[in-house]
Amino acid sequence: MDLSAETSGDISIVNMPGEYLDASTVKEFKADIAAFIEGDAKKIVFDMSSLQFIDSSGLGAILSCLRKLNGSGGELKLCGMSKPVRALFELVRMHRIMDIYDTRDDAISAYK
């Protein structure tokens, strides 16, 4: 899993690779995202526009990223969710603890 990232000022935008974040891909995702989470980046946006499916292990990985960032004074925002992915976040009520935006620009603007 090759995570690609861009920066906009002091904000890192991580493009979620592939269509699935599930038990078969979550271990590689955690290893790849660790560099961003444990690095200097304190403001991170996950662009989830390519993601079509996420399961409980994927939700757990994203929640773990949120906890690590919050613990180090950082923030995580999510954007570009497909309807099925957004529905799952709402079903398990993760939309109440995470900042979710429709577009990348909305998520970046929320940091300002």
Protein backbone atom coordinates (compact mmCIF):
# COMPACT_ATOMS: atom_id res chain seq x y z
CA MET A 1 0.00 0.00 0.00
CA ASP A 2 1.63 3.20 -1.15
CA LEU A 3 0.28 6.22 0.64
CA SER A 4 0.69 9.44 -1.26
CA ALA A 5 0.67 12.74 0.56
CA GLU A 6 0.58 16.40 -0.31
CA THR A 7 1.02 19.45 1.84
CA SER A 8 -0.92 22.66 2.01
CA GLY A 9 0.97 24.96 4.35
CA ASP A 10 1.37 23.01 7.59
CA ILE A 11 -1.40 20.54 6.69
CA SER A 12 -0.60 17.06 5.35
CA ILE A 13 -3.20 15.54 3.05
CA VAL A 14 -2.92 11.76 2.86
CA ASN A 15 -4.67 10.09 -0.06
CA MET A 16 -6.07 6.74 1.01
CA PRO A 17 -4.83 4.21 -1.55
CA GLY A 18 -7.03 1.55 -3.04
CA GLU A 19 -10.69 0.84 -2.64
CA TYR A 20 -10.54 -1.27 0.53
CA LEU A 21 -9.37 -0.75 4.08
CA ASP A 22 -10.11 -4.09 5.69
CA ALA A 23 -8.43 -6.95 7.51
CA SER A 24 -6.35 -7.79 4.44
CA THR A 25 -4.89 -4.27 4.05
CA VAL A 26 -5.00 -2.71 7.52
CA LYS A 27 -1.61 -4.00 8.70
CA GLU A 28 0.15 -2.42 5.73
CA PHE A 29 -1.88 0.79 6.18
CA LYS A 30 -0.83 1.07 9.83
CA ALA A 31 2.83 0.58 8.93
CA ASP A 32 2.68 3.18 6.15
CA ILE A 33 0.72 5.79 8.10
CA ALA A 34 2.99 5.54 11.14
CA ALA A 35 5.56 7.81 9.46
CA PHE A 36 2.97 10.59 9.19
CA ILE A 37 1.45 10.10 12.63
CA GLU A 38 4.78 9.86 14.47
CA GLY A 39 6.48 12.57 12.41
CA ASP A 40 6.23 16.32 12.62
CA ALA A 41 2.79 16.56 11.01
CA LYS A 42 0.20 17.75 13.52
CA LYS A 43 -2.59 18.61 11.08
CA ILE A 44 -3.57 15.69 8.89
CA VAL A 45 -6.44 15.20 6.44
CA PHE A 46 -7.28 11.71 5.18
CA ASP A 47 -8.76 12.03 1.68
CA MET A 48 -10.96 8.96 1.48
CA SER A 49 -12.44 9.58 -1.97
CA SER A 50 -11.00 6.38 -3.48
CA LEU A 51 -12.14 4.22 -0.55
CA GLN A 52 -15.25 2.18 -1.33
CA PHE A 53 -15.24 -0.27 1.59
CA ILE A 54 -14.03 -0.25 5.16
CA ASP A 55 -14.57 -2.86 7.86
CA SER A 56 -14.14 -2.83 11.63
CA SER A 57 -10.39 -3.31 11.44
CA GLY A 58 -10.13 -0.30 9.11
CA LEU A 59 -12.28 1.77 11.47
CA GLY A 60 -10.03 0.71 14.33
CA ALA A 61 -6.92 1.78 12.41
CA ILE A 62 -8.36 5.23 11.73
CA LEU A 63 -9.47 5.56 15.35
CA SER A 64 -5.94 4.61 16.44
CA CYS A 65 -4.54 7.38 14.21
CA LEU A 66 -6.93 9.86 15.82
CA ARG A 67 -5.88 8.82 19.33
CA LYS A 68 -2.17 9.06 18.55
CA LEU A 69 -2.54 12.46 16.95
CA ASN A 70 -4.72 13.83 19.73
CA GLY A 71 -2.22 12.49 22.28
CA SER A 72 0.59 14.45 20.65
CA GLY A 73 -1.40 17.65 20.19
CA GLY A 74 -2.36 16.96 16.59
CA GLU A 75 -5.65 16.77 14.74
CA LEU A 76 -7.16 14.45 12.14
CA LYS A 77 -9.89 15.34 9.68
CA LEU A 78 -11.52 13.07 7.11
CA CYS A 79 -12.97 14.02 3.74
CA GLY A 80 -14.38 12.64 0.51
CA MET A 81 -16.21 9.61 1.89
CA SER A 82 -18.39 7.54 -0.40
CA LYS A 83 -21.98 6.98 0.74
CA PRO A 84 -21.37 3.40 1.97
CA VAL A 85 -18.28 4.42 3.95
CA ARG A 86 -20.06 7.44 5.45
CA ALA A 87 -23.04 5.25 6.36
CA LEU A 88 -20.77 2.90 8.32
CA PHE A 89 -19.14 5.80 10.19
CA GLU A 90 -22.62 7.02 11.14
CA LEU A 91 -23.84 3.53 12.04
CA VAL A 92 -21.06 3.07 14.60
CA ARG A 93 -21.31 6.75 15.61
CA MET A 94 -17.71 7.57 14.72
CA HIS A 95 -18.97 10.72 13.01
CA ARG A 96 -19.51 12.10 16.51
CA ILE A 97 -15.85 11.88 17.47
CA MET A 98 -14.23 12.61 14.10
CA ASP A 99 -14.36 15.69 11.92
CA ILE A 100 -15.76 14.61 8.55
CA TYR A 101 -16.03 16.95 5.56
CA ASP A 102 -17.48 16.51 2.08
CA THR A 103 -14.49 17.94 0.23
CA ARG A 104 -10.77 18.29 0.69
CA ASP A 105 -11.06 22.08 0.57
CA ASP A 106 -13.64 22.05 3.37
CA ALA A 107 -11.34 19.92 5.55
CA ILE A 108 -8.33 22.19 4.91
CA SER A 109 -10.39 25.31 5.57
CA ALA A 110 -11.51 23.86 8.91
CA TYR A 111 -7.92 24.14 10.16
CA LYS A 112 -7.84 27.88 9.57
